[in-house]
PDB file of all heavy atoms in Angstrom:
ATOM      1  N   LEU A   1      38.125 127.597  19.902  1.00  0.00           N
ATOM      2  CA  LEU A   1      39.271 128.481  19.980  1.00  0.00           C
ATOM      3  C   LEU A   1      39.108 129.493  21.085  1.00  0.00           C
ATOM      4  O   LEU A   1      40.068 129.840  21.794  1.00  0.00           O
ATOM      5  CB  LEU A   1      39.582 129.174  18.644  1.00  0.00           C
ATOM      6  CG  LEU A   1      40.033 128.316  17.485  1.00  0.00           C
ATOM      7  CD1 LEU A   1      40.603 129.190  16.379  1.00  0.00           C
ATOM      8  CD2 LEU A   1      41.024 127.228  17.901  1.00  0.00           C
ATOM      9  N   LEU A   2      37.911 130.027  21.221  1.00  0.00           N
ATOM     10  CA  LEU A   2      37.684 130.970  22.273  1.00  0.00           C
ATOM     11  C   LEU A   2      37.997 130.452  23.641  1.00  0.00           C
ATOM     12  O   LEU A   2      38.672 131.109  24.445  1.00  0.00           O
ATOM     13  CB  LEU A   2      36.183 131.500  22.254  1.00  0.00           C
ATOM     14  CG  LEU A   2      35.738 132.256  21.004  1.00  0.00           C
ATOM     15  CD1 LEU A   2      34.238 132.540  21.099  1.00  0.00           C
ATOM     16  CD2 LEU A   2      36.532 133.572  20.834  1.00  0.00           C
ATOM     17  N   THR A   3      37.548 129.233  23.889  1.00  0.00           N
ATOM     18  CA  THR A   3      37.833 128.602  25.174  1.00  0.00           C
ATOM     19  C   THR A   3      39.309 128.440  25.397  1.00  0.00           C
ATOM     20  O   THR A   3      39.800 128.696  26.525  1.00  0.00           O
ATOM     21  CB  THR A   3      37.147 127.225  25.214  1.00  0.00           C
ATOM     22  OG1 THR A   3      35.730 127.366  25.064  1.00  0.00           O
ATOM     23  CG2 THR A   3      37.435 126.520  26.546  1.00  0.00           C
ATOM     24  N   ARG A   4      40.038 128.115  24.375  1.00  0.00           N
ATOM     25  CA  ARG A   4      41.481 127.884  24.471  1.00  0.00           C
ATOM     26  C   ARG A   4      42.225 129.249  24.624  1.00  0.00           C
ATOM     27  O   ARG A   4      43.448 129.194  24.941  1.00  0.00           O
ATOM     28  CB  ARG A   4      41.959 127.072  23.268  1.00  0.00           C
ATOM     29  CG  ARG A   4      41.445 125.676  23.232  1.00  0.00           C
ATOM     30  CD  ARG A   4      41.669 125.008  21.913  1.00  0.00           C
ATOM     31  NE  ARG A   4      41.058 123.662  21.857  1.00  0.00           N
ATOM     32  CZ  ARG A   4      41.653 122.522  22.142  1.00  0.00           C
ATOM     33  NH1 ARG A   4      42.949 122.555  22.569  1.00  0.00           N
ATOM     34  NH2 ARG A   4      41.039 121.383  22.060  1.00  0.00           N
ATOM     35  N   LEU A   5      41.543 130.327  24.353  1.00  0.00           N
ATOM     36  CA  LEU A   5      42.149 131.615  24.573  1.00  0.00           C
ATOM     37  C   LEU A   5      41.757 132.245  25.906  1.00  0.00           C
ATOM     38  O   LEU A   5      42.077 133.374  26.210  1.00  0.00           O
ATOM     39  CB  LEU A   5      41.673 132.578  23.445  1.00  0.00           C
ATOM     40  CG  LEU A   5      42.186 132.268  22.039  1.00  0.00           C
ATOM     41  CD1 LEU A   5      41.431 133.074  21.007  1.00  0.00           C
ATOM     42  CD2 LEU A   5      43.715 132.554  21.918  1.00  0.00           C
ATOM     43  N   GLY A   6      41.065 131.431  26.751  1.00  0.00           N
ATOM     44  CA  GLY A   6      40.609 131.937  28.051  1.00  0.00           C
ATOM     45  C   GLY A   6      39.421 132.889  27.939  1.00  0.00           C
ATOM     46  O   GLY A   6      39.239 133.779  28.796  1.00  0.00           O
ATOM     47  N   LEU A   7      38.604 132.679  26.895  1.00  0.00           N
ATOM     48  CA  LEU A   7      37.437 133.507  26.689  1.00  0.00           C
ATOM     49  C   LEU A   7      36.175 132.688  26.804  1.00  0.00           C
ATOM     50  O   LEU A   7      36.023 131.638  26.183  1.00  0.00           O
ATOM     51  CB  LEU A   7      37.485 134.123  25.284  1.00  0.00           C
ATOM     52  CG  LEU A   7      38.773 134.911  24.954  1.00  0.00           C
ATOM     53  CD1 LEU A   7      38.742 135.327  23.474  1.00  0.00           C
ATOM     54  CD2 LEU A   7      38.939 136.103  25.857  1.00  0.00           C
ATOM     55  N   ARG A   8      35.241 133.107  27.631  1.00  0.00           N
ATOM     56  CA  ARG A   8      34.010 132.444  27.851  1.00  0.00           C
ATOM     57  C   ARG A   8      32.891 133.031  26.950  1.00  0.00           C
ATOM     58  O   ARG A   8      32.438 134.145  27.169  1.00  0.00           O
ATOM     59  CB  ARG A   8      33.578 132.552  29.340  1.00  0.00           C
ATOM     60  CG  ARG A   8      32.270 131.807  29.641  1.00  0.00           C
ATOM     61  CD  ARG A   8      31.842 132.018  31.068  1.00  0.00           C
ATOM     62  NE  ARG A   8      30.559 131.412  31.283  1.00  0.00           N
ATOM     63  CZ  ARG A   8      29.776 131.690  32.368  1.00  0.00           C
ATOM     64  NH1 ARG A   8      30.249 132.494  33.303  1.00  0.00           N
ATOM     65  NH2 ARG A   8      28.636 131.102  32.513  1.00  0.00           N
ATOM     66  N   ASN A   9      32.492 132.220  25.983  1.00  0.00           N
ATOM     67  CA  ASN A   9      31.492 132.643  25.061  1.00  0.00           C
ATOM     68  C   ASN A   9      30.111 132.571  25.783  1.00  0.00           C
ATOM     69  O   ASN A   9      29.631 131.507  26.175  1.00  0.00           O
ATOM     70  CB  ASN A   9      31.492 131.698  23.867  1.00  0.00           C
ATOM     71  CG  ASN A   9      30.436 132.039  22.794  1.00  0.00           C
ATOM     72  OD1 ASN A   9      29.771 133.055  22.883  1.00  0.00           O
ATOM     73  ND2 ASN A   9      30.283 131.179  21.815  1.00  0.00           N
ATOM     74  N   VAL A  10      29.449 133.691  25.894  1.00  0.00           N
ATOM     75  CA  VAL A  10      28.182 133.745  26.648  1.00  0.00           C
ATOM     76  C   VAL A  10      27.040 133.050  25.896  1.00  0.00           C
ATOM     77  O   VAL A  10      26.006 132.803  26.465  1.00  0.00           O
ATOM     78  CB  VAL A  10      27.762 135.225  26.971  1.00  0.00           C
ATOM     79  CG1 VAL A  10      28.827 135.862  27.855  1.00  0.00           C
ATOM     80  CG2 VAL A  10      27.520 135.991  25.721  1.00  0.00           C
ATOM     81  N   PHE A  11      27.293 132.713  24.615  1.00  0.00           N
ATOM     82  CA  PHE A  11      26.268 131.996  23.846  1.00  0.00           C
ATOM     83  C   PHE A  11      26.687 130.524  23.580  1.00  0.00           C
ATOM     84  O   PHE A  11      26.080 129.874  22.735  1.00  0.00           O
ATOM     85  CB  PHE A  11      25.996 132.724  22.497  1.00  0.00           C
ATOM     86  CG  PHE A  11      25.408 134.058  22.647  1.00  0.00           C
ATOM     87  CD1 PHE A  11      26.159 135.193  22.597  1.00  0.00           C
ATOM     88  CD2 PHE A  11      24.060 134.182  22.842  1.00  0.00           C
ATOM     89  CE1 PHE A  11      25.567 136.457  22.712  1.00  0.00           C
ATOM     90  CE2 PHE A  11      23.468 135.426  23.064  1.00  0.00           C
ATOM     91  CZ  PHE A  11      24.218 136.577  22.973  1.00  0.00           C
ATOM     92  N   ALA A  12      27.607 130.039  24.337  1.00  0.00           N
ATOM     93  CA  ALA A  12      28.116 128.679  24.111  1.00  0.00           C
ATOM     94  C   ALA A  12      27.041 127.618  24.383  1.00  0.00           C
ATOM     95  O   ALA A  12      27.096 126.552  23.814  1.00  0.00           O
ATOM     96  CB  ALA A  12      29.336 128.409  25.011  1.00  0.00           C
ATOM     97  N   ASP A  13      26.102 127.905  25.190  1.00  0.00           N
ATOM     98  CA  ASP A  13      25.046 126.930  25.566  1.00  0.00           C
ATOM     99  C   ASP A  13      23.810 127.028  24.686  1.00  0.00           C
ATOM    100  O   ASP A  13      22.840 126.245  24.873  1.00  0.00           O
ATOM    101  CB  ASP A  13      24.663 127.041  27.028  1.00  0.00           C
ATOM    102  CG  ASP A  13      25.799 126.709  27.936  1.00  0.00           C
ATOM    103  OD1 ASP A  13      26.610 125.893  27.563  1.00  0.00           O
ATOM    104  OD2 ASP A  13      25.837 127.287  29.070  1.00  0.00           O
ATOM    105  N   ASP A  14      23.819 127.948  23.752  1.00  0.00           N
ATOM    106  CA  ASP A  14      22.652 128.045  22.875  1.00  0.00           C
ATOM    107  C   ASP A  14      22.531 126.783  22.002  1.00  0.00           C
ATOM    108  O   ASP A  14      23.524 126.268  21.530  1.00  0.00           O
ATOM    109  CB  ASP A  14      22.790 129.309  21.955  1.00  0.00           C
ATOM    110  CG  ASP A  14      21.509 129.664  21.263  1.00  0.00           C
ATOM    111  OD1 ASP A  14      21.102 128.969  20.282  1.00  0.00           O
ATOM    112  OD2 ASP A  14      20.908 130.644  21.678  1.00  0.00           O
ATOM    113  N   PRO A  15      21.314 126.274  21.775  1.00  0.00           N
ATOM    114  CA  PRO A  15      21.171 125.044  20.997  1.00  0.00           C
ATOM    115  C   PRO A  15      21.546 125.242  19.522  1.00  0.00           C
ATOM    116  O   PRO A  15      21.831 124.263  18.807  1.00  0.00           O
ATOM    117  CB  PRO A  15      19.674 124.718  21.142  1.00  0.00           C
ATOM    118  CG  PRO A  15      19.014 125.993  21.567  1.00  0.00           C
ATOM    119  CD  PRO A  15      20.033 126.693  22.374  1.00  0.00           C
ATOM    120  N   GLN A  16      21.552 126.488  19.065  1.00  0.00           N
ATOM    121  CA  GLN A  16      21.988 126.770  17.661  1.00  0.00           C
ATOM    122  C   GLN A  16      23.417 127.042  17.644  1.00  0.00           C
ATOM    123  O   GLN A  16      24.018 127.721  18.492  1.00  0.00           O
ATOM    124  CB  GLN A  16      21.192 127.977  17.145  1.00  0.00           C
ATOM    125  CG  GLN A  16      19.706 127.791  17.122  1.00  0.00           C
ATOM    126  CD  GLN A  16      19.280 126.723  16.217  1.00  0.00           C
ATOM    127  OE1 GLN A  16      19.694 126.574  15.073  1.00  0.00           O
ATOM    128  NE2 GLN A  16      18.285 125.890  16.708  1.00  0.00           N
ATOM    129  N   ARG A  17      24.123 126.549  16.568  1.00  0.00           N
ATOM    130  CA  ARG A  17      25.521 126.732  16.441  1.00  0.00           C
ATOM    131  C   ARG A  17      25.829 128.197  16.126  1.00  0.00           C
ATOM    132  O   ARG A  17      26.879 128.735  16.503  1.00  0.00           O
ATOM    133  CB  ARG A  17      26.096 125.786  15.371  1.00  0.00           C
ATOM    134  CG  ARG A  17      25.898 124.351  15.755  1.00  0.00           C
ATOM    135  CD  ARG A  17      26.475 123.357  14.679  1.00  0.00           C
ATOM    136  NE  ARG A  17      27.939 123.471  14.688  1.00  0.00           N
ATOM    137  CZ  ARG A  17      28.671 123.682  13.583  1.00  0.00           C
ATOM    138  NH1 ARG A  17      28.050 123.836  12.438  1.00  0.00           N
ATOM    139  NH2 ARG A  17      29.976 123.739  13.664  1.00  0.00           N
ATOM    140  N   TYR A  18      25.003 128.859  15.381  1.00  0.00           N
ATOM    141  CA  TYR A  18      25.150 130.288  15.029  1.00  0.00           C
ATOM    142  C   TYR A  18      23.823 130.985  15.265  1.00  0.00           C
ATOM    143  O   TYR A  18      23.077 131.296  14.315  1.00  0.00           O
ATOM    144  CB  TYR A  18      25.632 130.441  13.621  1.00  0.00           C
ATOM    145  CG  TYR A  18      26.975 129.794  13.330  1.00  0.00           C
ATOM    146  CD1 TYR A  18      27.057 128.540  12.685  1.00  0.00           C
ATOM    147  CD2 TYR A  18      28.164 130.392  13.757  1.00  0.00           C
ATOM    148  CE1 TYR A  18      28.285 127.929  12.478  1.00  0.00           C
ATOM    149  CE2 TYR A  18      29.421 129.795  13.522  1.00  0.00           C
ATOM    150  CZ  TYR A  18      29.421 128.549  12.877  1.00  0.00           C
ATOM    151  OH  TYR A  18      30.659 127.934  12.673  1.00  0.00           O
ATOM    152  N   PRO A  19      23.457 131.183  16.539  1.00  0.00           N
ATOM    153  CA  PRO A  19      22.127 131.707  16.811  1.00  0.00           C
ATOM    154  C   PRO A  19      21.930 133.150  16.390  1.00  0.00           C
ATOM    155  O   PRO A  19      22.836 133.993  16.385  1.00  0.00           O
ATOM    156  CB  PRO A  19      22.055 131.610  18.339  1.00  0.00           C
ATOM    157  CG  PRO A  19      23.493 131.598  18.790  1.00  0.00           C
ATOM    158  CD  PRO A  19      24.248 130.915  17.737  1.00  0.00           C
ATOM    159  N   ARG A  20      20.659 133.433  15.963  1.00  0.00           N
ATOM    160  CA  ARG A  20      20.246 134.826  15.802  1.00  0.00           C
ATOM    161  C   ARG A  20      19.923 135.428  17.156  1.00  0.00           C
ATOM    162  O   ARG A  20      19.306 134.748  17.949  1.00  0.00           O
ATOM    163  CB  ARG A  20      19.051 134.918  14.891  1.00  0.00           C
ATOM    164  CG  ARG A  20      19.326 134.496  13.442  1.00  0.00           C
ATOM    165  CD  ARG A  20      18.125 134.866  12.551  1.00  0.00           C
ATOM    166  NE  ARG A  20      18.358 134.437  11.181  1.00  0.00           N
ATOM    167  CZ  ARG A  20      17.553 134.830  10.195  1.00  0.00           C
ATOM    168  NH1 ARG A  20      16.447 135.534  10.427  1.00  0.00           N
ATOM    169  NH2 ARG A  20      17.817 134.458   8.950  1.00  0.00           N
ATOM    170  N   VAL A  21      20.307 136.640  17.374  1.00  0.00           N
ATOM    171  CA  VAL A  21      20.014 137.289  18.646  1.00  0.00           C
ATOM    172  C   VAL A  21      19.530 138.729  18.377  1.00  0.00           C
ATOM    173  O   VAL A  21      19.868 139.318  17.359  1.00  0.00           O
ATOM    174  CB  VAL A  21      21.267 137.315  19.530  1.00  0.00           C
ATOM    175  CG1 VAL A  21      21.733 135.923  19.936  1.00  0.00           C
ATOM    176  CG2 VAL A  21      22.386 138.099  18.894  1.00  0.00           C
ATOM    177  N   GLU A  22      18.718 139.203  19.295  1.00  0.00           N
ATOM    178  CA  GLU A  22      18.340 140.572  19.259  1.00  0.00           C
ATOM    179  C   GLU A  22      19.458 141.448  19.819  1.00  0.00           C
ATOM    180  O   GLU A  22      20.150 141.007  20.775  1.00  0.00           O
ATOM    181  CB  GLU A  22      17.031 140.833  20.049  1.00  0.00           C
ATOM    182  CG  GLU A  22      15.838 140.058  19.466  1.00  0.00           C
ATOM    183  CD  GLU A  22      15.454 140.498  18.111  1.00  0.00           C
ATOM    184  OE1 GLU A  22      15.696 141.701  17.764  1.00  0.00           O
ATOM    185  OE2 GLU A  22      14.969 139.664  17.300  1.00  0.00           O
ATOM    186  N   LEU A  23      19.581 142.640  19.273  1.00  0.00           N
ATOM    187  CA  LEU A  23      20.640 143.533  19.777  1.00  0.00           C
ATOM    188  C   LEU A  23      20.469 143.832  21.288  1.00  0.00           C
ATOM    189  O   LEU A  23      21.483 143.892  21.986  1.00  0.00           O
ATOM    190  CB  LEU A  23      20.674 144.826  18.960  1.00  0.00           C
ATOM    191  CG  LEU A  23      21.802 145.837  19.289  1.00  0.00           C
ATOM    192  CD1 LEU A  23      23.159 145.163  19.149  1.00  0.00           C
ATOM    193  CD2 LEU A  23      21.688 147.053  18.351  1.00  0.00           C
ATOM    194  N   ASP A  24      19.210 143.971  21.702  1.00  0.00           N
ATOM    195  CA  ASP A  24      19.017 144.224  23.133  1.00  0.00           C
ATOM    196  C   ASP A  24      19.515 143.086  23.987  1.00  0.00           C
ATOM    197  O   ASP A  24      20.036 143.278  25.084  1.00  0.00           O
ATOM    198  CB  ASP A  24      17.550 144.459  23.412  1.00  0.00           C
ATOM    199  CG  ASP A  24      17.106 145.860  22.910  1.00  0.00           C
ATOM    200  OD1 ASP A  24      17.935 146.667  22.655  1.00  0.00           O
ATOM    201  OD2 ASP A  24      15.864 146.044  22.760  1.00  0.00           O
ATOM    202  N   ASP A  25      19.330 141.825  23.490  1.00  0.00           N
ATOM    203  CA  ASP A  25      19.844 140.670  24.234  1.00  0.00           C
ATOM    204  C   ASP A  25      21.331 140.632  24.275  1.00  0.00           C
ATOM    205  O   ASP A  25      21.965 140.309  25.307  1.00  0.00           O
ATOM    206  CB  ASP A  25      19.305 139.372  23.564  1.00  0.00           C
ATOM    207  CG  ASP A  25      19.696 138.134  24.344  1.00  0.00           C
ATOM    208  OD1 ASP A  25      19.691 138.168  25.571  1.00  0.00           O
ATOM    209  OD2 ASP A  25      20.025 137.130  23.715  1.00  0.00           O
ATOM    210  N   LEU A  26      21.954 141.026  23.157  1.00  0.00           N
ATOM    211  CA  LEU A  26      23.413 141.079  23.094  1.00  0.00           C
ATOM    212  C   LEU A  26      23.915 142.125  24.122  1.00  0.00           C
ATOM    213  O   LEU A  26      24.894 141.921  24.804  1.00  0.00           O
ATOM    214  CB  LEU A  26      23.860 141.430  21.657  1.00  0.00           C
ATOM    215  CG  LEU A  26      25.306 141.303  21.324  1.00  0.00           C
ATOM    216  CD1 LEU A  26      25.824 139.897  21.600  1.00  0.00           C
ATOM    217  CD2 LEU A  26      25.505 141.655  19.863  1.00  0.00           C
ATOM    218  N   ARG A  27      23.258 143.251  24.140  1.00  0.00           N
ATOM    219  CA  ARG A  27      23.635 144.331  25.062  1.00  0.00           C
ATOM    220  C   ARG A  27      23.429 143.940  26.524  1.00  0.00           C
ATOM    221  O   ARG A  27      24.103 144.488  27.427  1.00  0.00           O
ATOM    222  CB  ARG A  27      22.873 145.610  24.745  1.00  0.00           C
ATOM    223  CG  ARG A  27      23.278 146.299  23.429  1.00  0.00           C
ATOM    224  CD  ARG A  27      22.279 147.381  23.117  1.00  0.00           C
ATOM    225  NE  ARG A  27      22.753 148.154  21.938  1.00  0.00           N
ATOM    226  CZ  ARG A  27      21.974 148.993  21.241  1.00  0.00           C
ATOM    227  NH1 ARG A  27      20.720 149.207  21.707  1.00  0.00           N
ATOM    228  NH2 ARG A  27      22.410 149.744  20.251  1.00  0.00           N
TER     229      ARG A  27
END
């Protein structure tokens, strides 16, 4: 849905479907 809204998910290429991330990485 994000793609269809013109939004590029920066975690779309992660091998995990719902990856855990560090807050520093998110920032």
